[in-house]
Structures are given as C-alpha cells and as structure tokens.
Amino acid sequence: MGKYNDKLEEIKRLVGRLQKEAPEQIGAFHSFMESVEKEGGMDRKSKELVNIGLSVAAQCEWCIALHVKGALEKGATKNEIIEAAMQAVLMHGGPALMYMIPVEEALTEFGAK
C-alpha cells in the first residue's frame, strides 16, 4: 500500500480504539476539529496548507500524511504543498528541513503532479 497510506490506516485504527475507550474525549476532539476546519475566513485548501506547515514543524509524519492527502483532495498543487512545508523550515530551521523528506514521499505516494 505505501508508508503514508499505512500512516493513514494507523490513524483510523487509533481513532477507532479511542471511540471505544474514550468516546467522550474523542467526540469532543472531533467536534472541535470540525469547527476549526470548516470554511470561514479561510478556505479548506488554505487550512490544509497551514496544517502541512504545522505538521512539519511538529515533526509528525502521521499529520503530514493526513494533511498532504487532504490538501491534494482540496485541489492543492505539489508546489503549493512544498511552499507551505518550507514555511515551517523557515521558522523552525534544520530539523524541519529534514521533514521535507516525508512531505516529498507522501506527495509521491499520493500521486501529486
């Protein structure tokens, strides 16, 4: 399947377990996430691009997988995603630069053009 598709499956399994083990907390998190991610002053694509930069800065490969896929689904281009990730490199330095590797790998795996 691929490393980043595997990461997405890991997220689904985690959320599934938490829905059974901590339904109130995961439900509250989902409600919060939905309220933050809905269109408002920013469109969904822009929010996904911001999330990519934050994912790189946080050094979270699961987040990178989720938000690269989400940005592609919202119509972001490969160049837009790389630029968003590079904002984290600018603000976070060398460690963030290394997380450009999973961004590029996820772009390749998800078929970005």
Protein backbone atom coordinates (compact mmCIF):
# COMPACT_ATOMS: atom_id res chain seq x y z
CA MET A 1 0.00 0.00 0.00
CA GLY A 2 2.71 2.53 0.95
CA LYS A 3 4.18 4.11 4.03
CA TYR A 4 1.88 7.14 4.13
CA ASN A 5 -1.26 5.19 3.34
CA ASP A 6 -0.18 2.93 6.21
CA LYS A 7 0.07 6.01 8.44
CA LEU A 8 -3.49 6.96 7.48
CA GLU A 9 -4.63 3.44 8.40
CA GLU A 10 -2.82 3.74 11.75
CA ILE A 11 -4.75 6.96 12.41
CA LYS A 12 -8.06 5.22 11.60
CA ARG A 13 -7.22 2.33 13.93
CA LEU A 14 -6.21 4.68 16.74
CA VAL A 15 -9.40 6.73 16.40
CA GLY A 16 -11.46 3.54 16.29
CA ARG A 17 -9.89 2.32 19.54
CA LEU A 18 -10.36 5.69 21.18
CA GLN A 19 -14.02 5.82 20.15
CA LYS A 20 -14.47 2.70 22.29
CA GLU A 21 -12.08 3.56 25.13
CA ALA A 22 -12.56 7.33 25.41
CA PRO A 23 -15.72 8.19 23.45
CA GLU A 24 -16.45 11.46 25.23
CA GLN A 25 -12.94 12.83 24.73
CA ILE A 26 -12.52 11.72 21.11
CA GLY A 27 -16.04 13.00 20.36
CA ALA A 28 -15.15 16.39 21.82
CA PHE A 29 -11.90 16.44 19.83
CA HIS A 30 -13.78 15.61 16.59
CA SER A 31 -16.33 18.36 17.26
CA PHE A 32 -13.54 20.86 17.88
CA MET A 33 -11.67 19.72 14.76
CA GLU A 34 -14.80 20.05 12.60
CA SER A 35 -15.50 23.54 13.92
CA VAL A 36 -11.94 24.69 13.22
CA GLU A 37 -11.67 23.07 9.79
CA LYS A 38 -14.93 24.37 8.31
CA GLU A 39 -14.74 27.23 5.83
CA GLY A 40 -14.75 30.69 7.31
CA GLY A 41 -12.18 33.38 6.73
CA MET A 42 -10.01 30.75 5.07
CA ASP A 43 -11.00 28.07 2.60
CA ARG A 44 -10.36 24.38 3.32
CA LYS A 45 -7.37 24.14 0.96
CA SER A 46 -5.63 27.05 2.70
CA LYS A 47 -6.27 25.47 6.08
CA GLU A 48 -4.75 22.19 4.89
CA LEU A 49 -1.68 24.07 3.65
CA VAL A 50 -1.29 25.72 7.06
CA ASN A 51 -1.67 22.29 8.66
CA ILE A 52 1.13 20.93 6.46
CA GLY A 53 3.49 23.63 7.72
CA LEU A 54 2.47 22.91 11.30
CA SER A 55 2.88 19.16 10.73
CA VAL A 56 6.44 19.68 9.51
CA ALA A 57 7.25 21.96 12.44
CA ALA A 58 5.75 19.41 14.86
CA GLN A 59 7.72 16.63 13.11
CA CYS A 60 4.61 14.44 12.88
CA GLU A 61 4.64 12.01 9.96
CA TRP A 62 1.03 10.94 10.66
CA CYS A 63 -0.04 14.59 10.47
CA ILE A 64 1.97 15.05 7.27
CA ALA A 65 0.21 12.07 5.68
CA LEU A 66 -3.23 13.30 6.76
CA HIS A 67 -2.76 16.88 5.64
CA VAL A 68 -0.84 16.25 2.40
CA LYS A 69 -3.65 13.92 1.35
CA GLY A 70 -6.24 16.44 2.50
CA ALA A 71 -4.57 19.30 0.65
CA LEU A 72 -4.36 17.27 -2.55
CA GLU A 73 -8.06 16.37 -2.21
CA LYS A 74 -8.87 20.07 -1.81
CA GLY A 75 -7.00 20.89 -5.04
CA ALA A 76 -3.60 21.99 -3.76
CA THR A 77 -0.70 21.55 -6.14
CA LYS A 78 2.60 19.89 -5.34
CA ASN A 79 4.29 23.31 -5.46
CA GLU A 80 1.77 24.83 -3.03
CA ILE A 81 2.35 21.96 -0.60
CA ILE A 82 6.12 22.28 -0.81
CA GLU A 83 5.88 26.05 -0.27
CA ALA A 84 3.66 25.52 2.78
CA ALA A 85 6.12 22.99 4.21
CA MET A 86 9.03 25.33 3.52
CA GLN A 87 7.38 27.98 5.73
CA ALA A 88 7.94 25.61 8.63
CA VAL A 89 11.56 25.18 7.58
CA LEU A 90 11.97 28.96 7.56
CA MET A 91 10.54 29.29 11.06
CA HIS A 92 11.80 26.01 12.55
CA GLY A 93 15.21 25.54 10.89
CA GLY A 94 17.21 22.41 10.07
CA PRO A 95 15.08 19.83 11.91
CA ALA A 96 12.02 20.97 9.94
CA LEU A 97 14.05 20.76 6.73
CA MET A 98 14.53 17.03 7.34
CA TYR A 99 10.74 16.63 7.49
CA MET A 100 10.58 17.75 3.87
CA ILE A 101 11.56 14.11 3.18
CA PRO A 102 8.22 12.68 4.39
CA VAL A 103 6.35 15.53 2.64
CA GLU A 104 8.01 14.59 -0.66
CA GLU A 105 7.44 10.87 -0.05
CA ALA A 106 3.76 11.44 0.74
CA LEU A 107 3.35 13.60 -2.38
CA THR A 108 4.85 10.82 -4.49
CA GLU A 109 2.79 8.10 -2.83
CA PHE A 110 -0.46 10.05 -3.19
CA GLY A 111 0.27 10.79 -6.87
CA ALA A 112 0.77 14.56 -6.75
CA LYS A 113 1.66 16.13 -10.06
